[in-house]
Amino acid sequence: GSCYGVGAGGHISGGGYGVLSRLHGLTV
């Protein structure tokens, strides 16, 4: 994701996406 302060714990476990996801997929 593009929000600097978000913690990786909840972001990744929920399948986090962001600016580079169209190019590289989701975090998971």
Full PDB file with SEQRES, HELIX, SHEET, SSBOND, CRYST1, ORIGX, SCALE, CONECT and MASTER records, all heavy atoms in Angstrom:
SEQRES   1 A   28  GLY SER CYS TYR GLY VAL GLY ALA GLY GLY HIS ILE SER          
SEQRES   2 A   28  GLY GLY GLY TYR GLY VAL LEU SER ARG LEU HIS GLY LEU          
SEQRES   3 A   28  THR VAL                                                      
HELIX    1 AA1 ALA A    8  SER A   13  1                                   6    
HELIX    2 AA2 SER A   21  HIS A   24  1                                   4    
CRYST1    1.000    1.000    1.000  90.00  90.00  90.00 P 1           1          
ORIGX1      1.000000  0.000000  0.000000        0.00000                         
ORIGX2      0.000000  1.000000  0.000000        0.00000                         
ORIGX3      0.000000  0.000000  1.000000        0.00000                         
SCALE1      1.000000  0.000000  0.000000        0.00000                         
SCALE2      0.000000  1.000000  0.000000        0.00000                         
SCALE3      0.000000  0.000000  1.000000        0.00000                         
ATOM      1  N   GLY A   1       0.792  -1.221   0.000  1.00  0.00           N  
ATOM      2  CA  GLY A   1       0.000   0.000   0.000  1.00  0.00           C  
ATOM      3  C   GLY A   1       0.821   1.266   0.000  1.00  0.00           C  
ATOM      4  O   GLY A   1       2.026   1.270   0.263  1.00  0.00           O  
ATOM      5  N   SER A   2       0.132   2.370  -0.266  1.00  0.00           N  
ATOM      6  CA  SER A   2       0.773   3.672  -0.406  1.00  0.00           C  
ATOM      7  C   SER A   2       0.763   4.484   0.879  1.00  0.00           C  
ATOM      8  O   SER A   2       1.268   5.602   0.896  1.00  0.00           O  
ATOM      9  CB  SER A   2       0.085   4.470  -1.517  1.00  0.00           C  
ATOM     10  OG  SER A   2      -1.292   4.631  -1.219  1.00  0.00           O  
ATOM     11  N   CYS A   3       0.195   3.949   1.957  1.00  0.00           N  
ATOM     12  CA  CYS A   3       0.120   4.673   3.225  1.00  0.00           C  
ATOM     13  C   CYS A   3       1.311   4.297   4.094  1.00  0.00           C  
ATOM     14  O   CYS A   3       1.409   3.148   4.555  1.00  0.00           O  
ATOM     15  CB  CYS A   3      -1.178   4.369   3.947  1.00  0.00           C  
ATOM     16  SG  CYS A   3      -2.652   4.729   2.974  1.00  0.00           S  
ATOM     17  N   TYR A   4       2.199   5.239   4.303  1.00  0.00           N  
ATOM     18  CA  TYR A   4       3.480   5.002   4.969  1.00  0.00           C  
ATOM     19  C   TYR A   4       3.307   4.343   6.328  1.00  0.00           C  
ATOM     20  O   TYR A   4       4.048   3.434   6.689  1.00  0.00           O  
ATOM     21  CB  TYR A   4       4.200   6.345   5.132  1.00  0.00           C  
ATOM     22  CG  TYR A   4       5.619   6.255   5.638  1.00  0.00           C  
ATOM     23  CD1 TYR A   4       6.683   6.410   4.756  1.00  0.00           C  
ATOM     24  CD2 TYR A   4       5.914   6.038   6.981  1.00  0.00           C  
ATOM     25  CE1 TYR A   4       7.996   6.342   5.204  1.00  0.00           C  
ATOM     26  CE2 TYR A   4       7.218   5.956   7.434  1.00  0.00           C  
ATOM     27  CZ  TYR A   4       8.255   6.116   6.544  1.00  0.00           C  
ATOM     28  OH  TYR A   4       9.554   6.037   6.993  1.00  0.00           O  
ATOM     29  N   GLY A   5       2.315   4.792   7.121  1.00  0.00           N  
ATOM     30  CA  GLY A   5       2.219   4.379   8.519  1.00  0.00           C  
ATOM     31  C   GLY A   5       1.470   3.089   8.772  1.00  0.00           C  
ATOM     32  O   GLY A   5       1.387   2.646   9.917  1.00  0.00           O  
ATOM     33  N   VAL A   6       0.899   2.445   7.762  1.00  0.00           N  
ATOM     34  CA  VAL A   6       0.145   1.213   7.967  1.00  0.00           C  
ATOM     35  C   VAL A   6       1.096   0.093   8.372  1.00  0.00           C  
ATOM     36  O   VAL A   6       2.183  -0.052   7.820  1.00  0.00           O  
ATOM     37  CB  VAL A   6      -0.624   0.838   6.684  1.00  0.00           C  
ATOM     38  CG1 VAL A   6      -1.175  -0.579   6.752  1.00  0.00           C  
ATOM     39  CG2 VAL A   6      -1.757   1.825   6.458  1.00  0.00           C  
ATOM     40  N   GLY A   7       0.689  -0.736   9.347  1.00  0.00           N  
ATOM     41  CA  GLY A   7       1.508  -1.847   9.790  1.00  0.00           C  
ATOM     42  C   GLY A   7       1.426  -3.020   8.828  1.00  0.00           C  
ATOM     43  O   GLY A   7       0.366  -3.326   8.271  1.00  0.00           O  
ATOM     44  N   ALA A   8       2.558  -3.706   8.662  1.00  0.00           N  
ATOM     45  CA  ALA A   8       2.602  -4.838   7.736  1.00  0.00           C  
ATOM     46  C   ALA A   8       1.707  -5.981   8.189  1.00  0.00           C  
ATOM     47  O   ALA A   8       1.184  -6.731   7.359  1.00  0.00           O  
ATOM     48  CB  ALA A   8       4.041  -5.329   7.589  1.00  0.00           C  
ATOM     49  N   GLY A   9       1.498  -6.128   9.500  1.00  0.00           N  
ATOM     50  CA  GLY A   9       0.767  -7.272  10.013  1.00  0.00           C  
ATOM     51  C   GLY A   9      -0.615  -7.440   9.417  1.00  0.00           C  
ATOM     52  O   GLY A   9      -0.935  -8.455   8.799  1.00  0.00           O  
ATOM     53  N   GLY A  10      -1.464  -6.441   9.582  1.00  0.00           N  
ATOM     54  CA  GLY A  10      -2.809  -6.528   9.037  1.00  0.00           C  
ATOM     55  C   GLY A  10      -2.840  -6.346   7.538  1.00  0.00           C  
ATOM     56  O   GLY A  10      -3.673  -6.953   6.848  1.00  0.00           O  
ATOM     57  N   HIS A  11      -1.939  -5.529   7.014  1.00  0.00           N  
ATOM     58  CA  HIS A  11      -1.943  -5.240   5.579  1.00  0.00           C  
ATOM     59  C   HIS A  11      -1.675  -6.498   4.764  1.00  0.00           C  
ATOM     60  O   HIS A  11      -2.435  -6.839   3.857  1.00  0.00           O  
ATOM     61  CB  HIS A  11      -0.890  -4.180   5.267  1.00  0.00           C  
ATOM     62  CG  HIS A  11      -0.845  -3.762   3.828  1.00  0.00           C  
ATOM     63  ND1 HIS A  11      -1.832  -3.003   3.245  1.00  0.00           N  
ATOM     64  CD2 HIS A  11       0.073  -3.996   2.866  1.00  0.00           C  
ATOM     65  CE1 HIS A  11      -1.525  -2.794   1.978  1.00  0.00           C  
ATOM     66  NE2 HIS A  11      -0.378  -3.387   1.708  1.00  0.00           N  
ATOM     67  N   ILE A  12      -0.617  -7.219   5.107  1.00  0.00           N  
ATOM     68  CA  ILE A  12      -0.257  -8.401   4.320  1.00  0.00           C  
ATOM     69  C   ILE A  12      -1.261  -9.522   4.533  1.00  0.00           C  
ATOM     70  O   ILE A  12      -1.691 -10.172   3.573  1.00  0.00           O  
ATOM     71  CB  ILE A  12       1.169  -8.857   4.664  1.00  0.00           C  
ATOM     72  CG1 ILE A  12       2.181  -7.773   4.290  1.00  0.00           C  
ATOM     73  CG2 ILE A  12       1.506 -10.154   3.942  1.00  0.00           C  
ATOM     74  CD1 ILE A  12       3.609  -8.066   4.733  1.00  0.00           C  
ATOM     75  N   SER A  13      -1.676  -9.763   5.777  1.00  0.00           N  
ATOM     76  CA  SER A  13      -2.575 -10.891   6.048  1.00  0.00           C  
ATOM     77  C   SER A  13      -3.910 -10.738   5.332  1.00  0.00           C  
ATOM     78  O   SER A  13      -4.590 -11.730   5.056  1.00  0.00           O  
ATOM     79  CB  SER A  13      -2.802 -11.047   7.557  1.00  0.00           C  
ATOM     80  OG  SER A  13      -3.479  -9.926   8.089  1.00  0.00           O  
ATOM     81  N   GLY A  14      -4.298  -9.498   5.009  1.00  0.00           N  
ATOM     82  CA  GLY A  14      -5.536  -9.268   4.272  1.00  0.00           C  
ATOM     83  C   GLY A  14      -5.347  -9.193   2.775  1.00  0.00           C  
ATOM     84  O   GLY A  14      -6.287  -8.864   2.043  1.00  0.00           O  
ATOM     85  N   GLY A  15      -4.125  -9.486   2.293  1.00  0.00           N  
ATOM     86  CA  GLY A  15      -3.880  -9.480   0.852  1.00  0.00           C  
ATOM     87  C   GLY A  15      -3.574  -8.111   0.309  1.00  0.00           C  
ATOM     88  O   GLY A  15      -4.043  -7.744  -0.770  1.00  0.00           O  
ATOM     89  N   GLY A  16      -2.779  -7.323   1.029  1.00  0.00           N  
ATOM     90  CA  GLY A  16      -2.533  -5.936   0.678  1.00  0.00           C  
ATOM     91  C   GLY A  16      -2.098  -5.706  -0.766  1.00  0.00           C  
ATOM     92  O   GLY A  16      -1.349  -6.496  -1.338  1.00  0.00           O  
ATOM     93  N   TYR A  17      -2.586  -4.616  -1.320  1.00  0.00           N  
ATOM     94  CA  TYR A  17      -2.238  -4.225  -2.685  1.00  0.00           C  
ATOM     95  C   TYR A  17      -1.777  -2.779  -2.679  1.00  0.00           C  
ATOM     96  O   TYR A  17      -1.931  -2.059  -1.688  1.00  0.00           O  
ATOM     97  CB  TYR A  17      -3.436  -4.389  -3.623  1.00  0.00           C  
ATOM     98  CG  TYR A  17      -4.434  -3.250  -3.567  1.00  0.00           C  
ATOM     99  CD1 TYR A  17      -4.527  -2.328  -4.603  1.00  0.00           C  
ATOM    100  CD2 TYR A  17      -5.264  -3.080  -2.466  1.00  0.00           C  
ATOM    101  CE1 TYR A  17      -5.430  -1.279  -4.558  1.00  0.00           C  
ATOM    102  CE2 TYR A  17      -6.171  -2.043  -2.405  1.00  0.00           C  
ATOM    103  CZ  TYR A  17      -6.256  -1.144  -3.449  1.00  0.00           C  
ATOM    104  OH  TYR A  17      -7.151  -0.091  -3.398  1.00  0.00           O  
ATOM    105  N   GLY A  18      -1.223  -2.336  -3.804  1.00  0.00           N  
ATOM    106  CA  GLY A  18      -0.768  -0.963  -3.876  1.00  0.00           C  
ATOM    107  C   GLY A  18      -0.418  -0.549  -5.285  1.00  0.00           C  
ATOM    108  O   GLY A  18      -0.849  -1.166  -6.269  1.00  0.00           O  
ATOM    109  N   VAL A  19       0.390   0.498  -5.380  1.00  0.00           N  
ATOM    110  CA  VAL A  19       0.692   1.144  -6.651  1.00  0.00           C  
ATOM    111  C   VAL A  19       1.390   0.198  -7.626  1.00  0.00           C  
ATOM    112  O   VAL A  19       1.195   0.300  -8.836  1.00  0.00           O  
ATOM    113  CB  VAL A  19       1.551   2.404  -6.393  1.00  0.00           C  
ATOM    114  CG1 VAL A  19       1.929   3.082  -7.693  1.00  0.00           C  
ATOM    115  CG2 VAL A  19       0.806   3.374  -5.477  1.00  0.00           C  
ATOM    116  N   LEU A  20       2.189  -0.737  -7.124  1.00  0.00           N  
ATOM    117  CA  LEU A  20       2.924  -1.645  -7.996  1.00  0.00           C  
ATOM    118  C   LEU A  20       2.223  -2.983  -8.202  1.00  0.00           C  
ATOM    119  O   LEU A  20       2.784  -3.896  -8.811  1.00  0.00           O  
ATOM    120  CB  LEU A  20       4.319  -1.895  -7.433  1.00  0.00           C  
ATOM    121  CG  LEU A  20       5.269  -0.691  -7.431  1.00  0.00           C  
ATOM    122  CD1 LEU A  20       6.609  -1.094  -6.828  1.00  0.00           C  
ATOM    123  CD2 LEU A  20       5.462  -0.123  -8.834  1.00  0.00           C  
ATOM    124  N   SER A  21       0.990  -3.122  -7.720  1.00  0.00           N  
ATOM    125  CA  SER A  21       0.330  -4.419  -7.807  1.00  0.00           C  
ATOM    126  C   SER A  21      -0.073  -4.787  -9.227  1.00  0.00           C  
ATOM    127  O   SER A  21      -0.095  -5.969  -9.577  1.00  0.00           O  
ATOM    128  CB  SER A  21      -0.892  -4.461  -6.886  1.00  0.00           C  
ATOM    129  OG  SER A  21      -0.492  -4.506  -5.530  1.00  0.00           O  
ATOM    130  N   ARG A  22      -0.396  -3.809 -10.057  1.00  0.00           N  
ATOM    131  CA  ARG A  22      -0.685  -4.145 -11.453  1.00  0.00           C  
ATOM    132  C   ARG A  22       0.552  -4.708 -12.145  1.00  0.00           C  
ATOM    133  O   ARG A  22       0.443  -5.567 -13.022  1.00  0.00           O  
ATOM    134  CB  ARG A  22      -1.186  -2.904 -12.206  1.00  0.00           C  
ATOM    135  CG  ARG A  22      -2.651  -2.607 -11.973  1.00  0.00           C  
ATOM    136  CD  ARG A  22      -3.125  -1.328 -12.638  1.00  0.00           C  
ATOM    137  NE  ARG A  22      -2.656  -1.133 -13.998  1.00  0.00           N  
ATOM    138  CZ  ARG A  22      -3.184  -1.723 -15.086  1.00  0.00           C  
ATOM    139  NH1 ARG A  22      -4.187  -2.562 -14.965  1.00  0.00           N  
ATOM    140  NH2 ARG A  22      -2.706  -1.451 -16.292  1.00  0.00           N  
ATOM    141  N   LEU A  23       1.712  -4.254 -11.715  1.00  0.00           N  
ATOM    142  CA  LEU A  23       2.963  -4.711 -12.312  1.00  0.00           C  
ATOM    143  C   LEU A  23       3.472  -6.003 -11.670  1.00  0.00           C  
ATOM    144  O   LEU A  23       4.022  -6.872 -12.355  1.00  0.00           O  
ATOM    145  CB  LEU A  23       4.019  -3.611 -12.177  1.00  0.00           C  
ATOM    146  CG  LEU A  23       5.355  -3.802 -12.905  1.00  0.00           C  
ATOM    147  CD1 LEU A  23       5.143  -4.000 -14.402  1.00  0.00           C  
ATOM    148  CD2 LEU A  23       6.267  -2.604 -12.650  1.00  0.00           C  
ATOM    149  N   HIS A  24       3.251  -6.155 -10.341  1.00  0.00           N  
ATOM    150  CA  HIS A  24       3.884  -7.266  -9.626  1.00  0.00           C  
ATOM    151  C   HIS A  24       2.932  -8.119  -8.792  1.00  0.00           C  
ATOM    152  O   HIS A  24       3.387  -9.052  -8.121  1.00  0.00           O  
ATOM    153  CB  HIS A  24       4.993  -6.733  -8.714  1.00  0.00           C  
ATOM    154  CG  HIS A  24       6.133  -6.104  -9.439  1.00  0.00           C  
ATOM    155  ND1 HIS A  24       6.871  -6.774 -10.397  1.00  0.00           N  
ATOM    156  CD2 HIS A  24       6.665  -4.849  -9.360  1.00  0.00           C  
ATOM    157  CE1 HIS A  24       7.815  -5.972 -10.863  1.00  0.00           C  
ATOM    158  NE2 HIS A  24       7.714  -4.800 -10.265  1.00  0.00           N  
ATOM    159  N   GLY A  25       1.643  -7.831  -8.788  1.00  0.00           N  
ATOM    160  CA  GLY A  25       0.718  -8.637  -8.009  1.00  0.00           C  
ATOM    161  C   GLY A  25       0.548  -8.127  -6.588  1.00  0.00           C  
ATOM    162  O   GLY A  25       0.982  -7.035  -6.222  1.00  0.00           O  
ATOM    163  N   LEU A  26      -0.099  -8.941  -5.751  1.00  0.00           N  
ATOM    164  CA  LEU A  26      -0.387  -8.591  -4.365  1.00  0.00           C  
ATOM    165  C   LEU A  26       0.771  -8.990  -3.456  1.00  0.00           C  
ATOM    166  O   LEU A  26       1.621  -9.813  -3.816  1.00  0.00           O  
ATOM    167  CB  LEU A  26      -1.660  -9.298  -3.903  1.00  0.00           C  
ATOM    168  CG  LEU A  26      -2.911  -9.077  -4.763  1.00  0.00           C  
ATOM    169  CD1 LEU A  26      -4.069  -9.924  -4.237  1.00  0.00           C  
ATOM    170  CD2 LEU A  26      -3.302  -7.608  -4.804  1.00  0.00           C  
ATOM    171  N   THR A  27       0.776  -8.442  -2.242  1.00  0.00           N  
ATOM    172  CA  THR A  27       1.822  -8.817  -1.282  1.00  0.00           C  
ATOM    173  C   THR A  27       1.816 -10.319  -1.036  1.00  0.00           C  
ATOM    174  O   THR A  27       2.877 -10.953  -0.979  1.00  0.00           O  
ATOM    175  CB  THR A  27       1.617  -8.077   0.046  1.00  0.00           C  
ATOM    176  OG1 THR A  27       0.299  -8.359   0.562  1.00  0.00           O  
ATOM    177  CG2 THR A  27       1.770  -6.580  -0.122  1.00  0.00           C  
ATOM    178  N   VAL A  28       0.637 -10.924  -0.892  1.00  0.00           N  
ATOM    179  CA  VAL A  28       0.562 -12.345  -0.560  1.00  0.00           C  
ATOM    180  C   VAL A  28       0.958 -13.237  -1.733  1.00  0.00           C  
ATOM    181  O   VAL A  28       1.231 -14.430  -1.539  1.00  0.00           O  
ATOM    182  CB  VAL A  28      -0.845 -12.733  -0.059  1.00  0.00           C  
ATOM    183  CG1 VAL A  28      -1.112 -12.095   1.293  1.00  0.00           C  
ATOM    184  CG2 VAL A  28      -1.928 -12.339  -1.060  1.00  0.00           C  
TER     185      VAL A  28                                                      
MASTER        0    0    0    2    0    0    0    6  184    1    0    3          
END                                                                             
